[in-house]
Amino acid sequence: MRPGDLSGLGPDRTVVLAMAAIRALSVLAEVAGLVLILTSARIERALRVNSALGLVGPLVFITVSAVGLTGLADRVGAWRLAVIALGVLLVFLGTFSRG
């Protein structure tokens, strides 16, 4: 498959494109946050923007994973799908630090 040629994705094309589109929106949010931080005149304002961006990353991870799992649902057994979903949840929970 050549770069930019998505015809080789076959039936997975829609799911892969949806996952990529969500990630692209995430990048746009990060760039917008970057501009807001750079143009803010106060540290407090920059920290508020940064905290909002901190929420975006995990939400994008969960959303993209859910889209991918939905695309796998018809090909993977229920047990394996549950194990994969549990793995995604554990990664998400493992990123939170306590203390």
N, C-alpha and C. Protein backbone atom coordinates (compact mmCIF):
# COMPACT_ATOMS: atom_id res chain seq x y z
N MET A 1 0.84 -1.17 0.00
CA MET A 1 0.00 0.00 0.00
C MET A 1 0.89 1.24 0.00
N ARG A 2 0.61 2.14 -0.90
CA ARG A 2 1.36 3.40 -0.98
C ARG A 2 0.88 4.37 0.09
N PRO A 3 1.76 5.28 0.52
CA PRO A 3 1.32 6.30 1.49
C PRO A 3 0.15 7.10 0.93
N GLY A 4 -0.87 7.28 1.73
CA GLY A 4 -2.05 8.03 1.30
C GLY A 4 -3.09 7.18 0.60
N ASP A 5 -2.76 5.94 0.23
CA ASP A 5 -3.71 5.06 -0.44
C ASP A 5 -4.43 4.23 0.61
N LEU A 6 -5.70 4.52 0.83
CA LEU A 6 -6.46 3.82 1.86
C LEU A 6 -7.31 2.69 1.29
N SER A 7 -7.20 2.42 0.00
CA SER A 7 -8.01 1.37 -0.60
C SER A 7 -7.66 -0.01 -0.08
N GLY A 8 -6.44 -0.19 0.42
CA GLY A 8 -6.02 -1.48 0.94
C GLY A 8 -6.59 -1.81 2.31
N LEU A 9 -7.30 -0.88 2.92
CA LEU A 9 -7.86 -1.13 4.24
C LEU A 9 -9.10 -2.02 4.19
N GLY A 10 -9.73 -2.10 3.05
CA GLY A 10 -10.90 -2.97 2.89
C GLY A 10 -12.02 -2.56 3.82
N PRO A 11 -12.66 -3.56 4.45
CA PRO A 11 -13.83 -3.27 5.29
C PRO A 11 -13.48 -2.48 6.56
N ASP A 12 -12.22 -2.45 6.91
CA ASP A 12 -11.79 -1.70 8.10
C ASP A 12 -11.66 -0.21 7.85
N ARG A 13 -11.82 0.20 6.62
CA ARG A 13 -11.55 1.58 6.23
C ARG A 13 -12.34 2.59 7.06
N THR A 14 -13.63 2.36 7.22
CA THR A 14 -14.47 3.31 7.94
C THR A 14 -14.02 3.47 9.39
N VAL A 15 -13.75 2.34 10.04
CA VAL A 15 -13.33 2.40 11.45
C VAL A 15 -11.98 3.08 11.57
N VAL A 16 -11.04 2.72 10.71
CA VAL A 16 -9.70 3.32 10.76
C VAL A 16 -9.77 4.82 10.48
N LEU A 17 -10.58 5.21 9.52
CA LEU A 17 -10.72 6.64 9.23
C LEU A 17 -11.37 7.38 10.40
N ALA A 18 -12.34 6.76 11.07
CA ALA A 18 -12.97 7.39 12.23
C ALA A 18 -11.95 7.56 13.36
N MET A 19 -11.14 6.52 13.58
CA MET A 19 -10.12 6.61 14.61
C MET A 19 -9.12 7.71 14.28
N ALA A 20 -8.71 7.80 13.03
CA ALA A 20 -7.76 8.83 12.62
C ALA A 20 -8.38 10.22 12.72
N ALA A 21 -9.66 10.34 12.38
CA ALA A 21 -10.33 11.64 12.46
C ALA A 21 -10.40 12.14 13.90
N ILE A 22 -10.68 11.24 14.83
CA ILE A 22 -10.73 11.63 16.24
C ILE A 22 -9.36 12.10 16.70
N ARG A 23 -8.32 11.37 16.30
CA ARG A 23 -6.96 11.78 16.66
C ARG A 23 -6.61 13.12 16.02
N ALA A 24 -7.06 13.37 14.79
CA ALA A 24 -6.79 14.65 14.12
C ALA A 24 -7.47 15.79 14.87
N LEU A 25 -8.70 15.58 15.34
CA LEU A 25 -9.38 16.60 16.13
C LEU A 25 -8.64 16.85 17.44
N SER A 26 -8.09 15.80 18.01
CA SER A 26 -7.30 15.95 19.22
C SER A 26 -6.07 16.82 18.97
N VAL A 27 -5.42 16.60 17.85
CA VAL A 27 -4.25 17.42 17.50
C VAL A 27 -4.66 18.89 17.34
N LEU A 28 -5.79 19.13 16.69
CA LEU A 28 -6.26 20.51 16.53
C LEU A 28 -6.52 21.16 17.88
N ALA A 29 -7.11 20.40 18.82
CA ALA A 29 -7.35 20.93 20.16
C ALA A 29 -6.03 21.25 20.86
N GLU A 30 -5.04 20.38 20.70
CA GLU A 30 -3.73 20.62 21.31
C GLU A 30 -3.06 21.86 20.73
N VAL A 31 -3.14 22.03 19.42
CA VAL A 31 -2.54 23.20 18.77
C VAL A 31 -3.27 24.47 19.21
N ALA A 32 -4.60 24.40 19.28
CA ALA A 32 -5.36 25.56 19.76
C ALA A 32 -4.95 25.90 21.20
N GLY A 33 -4.78 24.87 22.02
CA GLY A 33 -4.33 25.08 23.39
C GLY A 33 -2.94 25.71 23.43
N LEU A 34 -2.07 25.26 22.56
CA LEU A 34 -0.72 25.83 22.46
C LEU A 34 -0.79 27.32 22.17
N VAL A 35 -1.62 27.68 21.21
CA VAL A 35 -1.75 29.10 20.85
C VAL A 35 -2.32 29.89 22.02
N LEU A 36 -3.33 29.33 22.69
CA LEU A 36 -3.91 30.03 23.84
C LEU A 36 -2.90 30.22 24.97
N ILE A 37 -2.09 29.19 25.20
CA ILE A 37 -1.07 29.31 26.24
C ILE A 37 -0.04 30.36 25.85
N LEU A 38 0.40 30.34 24.61
CA LEU A 38 1.41 31.31 24.17
C LEU A 38 0.89 32.74 24.19
N THR A 39 -0.40 32.91 23.92
CA THR A 39 -0.94 34.26 23.85
C THR A 39 -1.53 34.74 25.18
N SER A 40 -1.62 33.84 26.15
CA SER A 40 -2.16 34.28 27.44
C SER A 40 -1.11 35.14 28.14
N ALA A 41 -1.59 36.13 28.81
CA ALA A 41 -0.67 37.05 29.47
C ALA A 41 -0.43 36.66 30.92
N ARG A 42 -1.13 35.64 31.39
CA ARG A 42 -1.04 35.28 32.80
C ARG A 42 -0.80 33.79 32.97
N ILE A 43 -0.03 33.46 33.97
CA ILE A 43 0.27 32.05 34.27
C ILE A 43 -1.01 31.31 34.64
N GLU A 44 -1.90 31.94 35.39
CA GLU A 44 -3.14 31.30 35.82
C GLU A 44 -3.98 30.88 34.63
N ARG A 45 -4.07 31.75 33.64
CA ARG A 45 -4.85 31.44 32.44
C ARG A 45 -4.20 30.29 31.67
N ALA A 46 -2.88 30.32 31.56
CA ALA A 46 -2.17 29.24 30.87
C ALA A 46 -2.37 27.91 31.58
N LEU A 47 -2.39 27.92 32.92
CA LEU A 47 -2.61 26.69 33.67
C LEU A 47 -4.03 26.16 33.49
N ARG A 48 -5.00 27.05 33.37
CA ARG A 48 -6.38 26.61 33.12
C ARG A 48 -6.48 25.93 31.76
N VAL A 49 -5.84 26.51 30.76
CA VAL A 49 -5.84 25.90 29.43
C VAL A 49 -5.15 24.55 29.48
N ASN A 50 -4.04 24.49 30.17
CA ASN A 50 -3.29 23.24 30.29
C ASN A 50 -4.12 22.16 30.99
N SER A 51 -4.87 22.54 32.02
CA SER A 51 -5.69 21.54 32.72
C SER A 51 -6.82 21.03 31.82
N ALA A 52 -7.38 21.90 31.00
CA ALA A 52 -8.41 21.46 30.06
C ALA A 52 -7.81 20.48 29.04
N LEU A 53 -6.62 20.78 28.57
CA LEU A 53 -5.96 19.88 27.64
C LEU A 53 -5.63 18.55 28.29
N GLY A 54 -5.36 18.57 29.58
CA GLY A 54 -5.08 17.33 30.31
C GLY A 54 -6.27 16.39 30.32
N LEU A 55 -7.47 16.92 30.22
CA LEU A 55 -8.67 16.09 30.15
C LEU A 55 -8.89 15.52 28.76
N VAL A 56 -8.42 16.23 27.75
CA VAL A 56 -8.66 15.82 26.36
C VAL A 56 -7.96 14.50 26.05
N GLY A 57 -6.71 14.35 26.47
CA GLY A 57 -5.94 13.16 26.13
C GLY A 57 -6.61 11.85 26.53
N PRO A 58 -6.98 11.69 27.81
CA PRO A 58 -7.64 10.44 28.21
C PRO A 58 -8.99 10.22 27.52
N LEU A 59 -9.74 11.30 27.31
CA LEU A 59 -11.03 11.15 26.62
C LEU A 59 -10.84 10.68 25.18
N VAL A 60 -9.83 11.21 24.52
CA VAL A 60 -9.54 10.78 23.15
C VAL A 60 -9.11 9.32 23.15
N PHE A 61 -8.26 8.93 24.10
CA PHE A 61 -7.80 7.54 24.20
C PHE A 61 -8.99 6.59 24.35
N ILE A 62 -9.90 6.90 25.27
CA ILE A 62 -11.06 6.05 25.50
C ILE A 62 -11.96 6.02 24.27
N THR A 63 -12.18 7.17 23.65
CA THR A 63 -13.06 7.23 22.48
C THR A 63 -12.49 6.46 21.30
N VAL A 64 -11.20 6.65 21.00
CA VAL A 64 -10.58 5.94 19.89
C VAL A 64 -10.57 4.43 20.16
N SER A 65 -10.31 4.06 21.40
CA SER A 65 -10.33 2.64 21.75
C SER A 65 -11.73 2.05 21.60
N ALA A 66 -12.74 2.80 22.01
CA ALA A 66 -14.12 2.32 21.87
C ALA A 66 -14.51 2.14 20.41
N VAL A 67 -14.10 3.08 19.56
CA VAL A 67 -14.37 2.95 18.13
C VAL A 67 -13.68 1.70 17.57
N GLY A 68 -12.42 1.50 17.95
CA GLY A 68 -11.69 0.33 17.49
C GLY A 68 -12.32 -0.98 17.97
N LEU A 69 -12.73 -1.00 19.23
CA LEU A 69 -13.37 -2.20 19.76
C LEU A 69 -14.70 -2.48 19.08
N THR A 70 -15.42 -1.43 18.76
CA THR A 70 -16.67 -1.60 18.02
C THR A 70 -16.41 -2.23 16.66
N GLY A 71 -15.32 -1.80 16.01
CA GLY A 71 -14.96 -2.38 14.72
C GLY A 71 -14.54 -3.83 14.82
N LEU A 72 -14.02 -4.24 15.97
CA LEU A 72 -13.60 -5.63 16.16
C LEU A 72 -14.73 -6.54 16.66
N ALA A 73 -15.81 -5.96 17.11
CA ALA A 73 -16.86 -6.72 17.80
C ALA A 73 -17.40 -7.90 16.99
N ASP A 74 -17.49 -7.76 15.69
CA ASP A 74 -18.05 -8.85 14.89
C ASP A 74 -17.03 -9.94 14.57
N ARG A 75 -15.75 -9.70 14.83
CA ARG A 75 -14.70 -10.67 14.51
C ARG A 75 -14.07 -11.34 15.71
N VAL A 76 -14.30 -10.78 16.87
CA VAL A 76 -13.65 -11.27 18.08
C VAL A 76 -14.73 -11.77 19.03
N GLY A 77 -14.45 -12.86 19.70
CA GLY A 77 -15.39 -13.41 20.66
C GLY A 77 -15.63 -12.46 21.82
N ALA A 78 -16.73 -12.67 22.51
CA ALA A 78 -17.11 -11.79 23.62
C ALA A 78 -16.04 -11.78 24.72
N TRP A 79 -15.48 -12.94 25.04
CA TRP A 79 -14.46 -13.02 26.09
C TRP A 79 -13.24 -12.20 25.72
N ARG A 80 -12.75 -12.38 24.50
CA ARG A 80 -11.55 -11.65 24.06
C ARG A 80 -11.83 -10.14 24.01
N LEU A 81 -13.01 -9.78 23.56
CA LEU A 81 -13.39 -8.36 23.51
C LEU A 81 -13.41 -7.77 24.93
N ALA A 82 -13.92 -8.53 25.88
CA ALA A 82 -13.94 -8.06 27.28
C ALA A 82 -12.53 -7.91 27.83
N VAL A 83 -11.64 -8.83 27.48
CA VAL A 83 -10.25 -8.74 27.94
C VAL A 83 -9.57 -7.51 27.36
N ILE A 84 -9.81 -7.24 26.08
CA ILE A 84 -9.23 -6.05 25.44
C ILE A 84 -9.77 -4.78 26.10
N ALA A 85 -11.09 -4.74 26.33
CA ALA A 85 -11.70 -3.57 26.97
C ALA A 85 -11.14 -3.38 28.38
N LEU A 86 -10.94 -4.48 29.10
CA LEU A 86 -10.35 -4.40 30.43
C LEU A 86 -8.93 -3.85 30.36
N GLY A 87 -8.18 -4.27 29.35
CA GLY A 87 -6.82 -3.75 29.15
C GLY A 87 -6.82 -2.25 28.92
N VAL A 88 -7.75 -1.77 28.11
CA VAL A 88 -7.87 -0.33 27.86
C VAL A 88 -8.19 0.39 29.17
N LEU A 89 -9.11 -0.17 29.94
CA LEU A 89 -9.48 0.43 31.22
C LEU A 89 -8.29 0.46 32.17
N LEU A 90 -7.52 -0.62 32.21
CA LEU A 90 -6.36 -0.65 33.10
C LEU A 90 -5.29 0.36 32.70
N VAL A 91 -5.09 0.53 31.41
CA VAL A 91 -4.15 1.56 30.94
C VAL A 91 -4.64 2.94 31.38
N PHE A 92 -5.92 3.17 31.20
CA PHE A 92 -6.49 4.45 31.59
C PHE A 92 -6.33 4.68 33.09
N LEU A 93 -6.67 3.70 33.89
CA LEU A 93 -6.55 3.84 35.35
C LEU A 93 -5.09 3.93 35.79
N GLY A 94 -4.21 3.25 35.10
CA GLY A 94 -2.80 3.27 35.46
C GLY A 94 -2.10 4.59 35.20
N THR A 95 -2.73 5.45 34.42
CA THR A 95 -2.11 6.75 34.13
C THR A 95 -2.37 7.76 35.24
N PHE A 96 -3.29 7.47 36.13
CA PHE A 96 -3.55 8.38 37.24
C PHE A 96 -2.58 8.09 38.35
N SER A 97 -1.96 9.14 38.84
CA SER A 97 -1.03 8.97 39.97
C SER A 97 -1.71 9.45 41.23
N ARG A 98 -1.50 8.73 42.27
CA ARG A 98 -2.08 9.11 43.58
C ARG A 98 -0.92 9.41 44.53
N GLY A 99 -0.86 10.66 44.92
CA GLY A 99 0.16 11.03 45.90
C GLY A 99 1.37 11.46 45.26
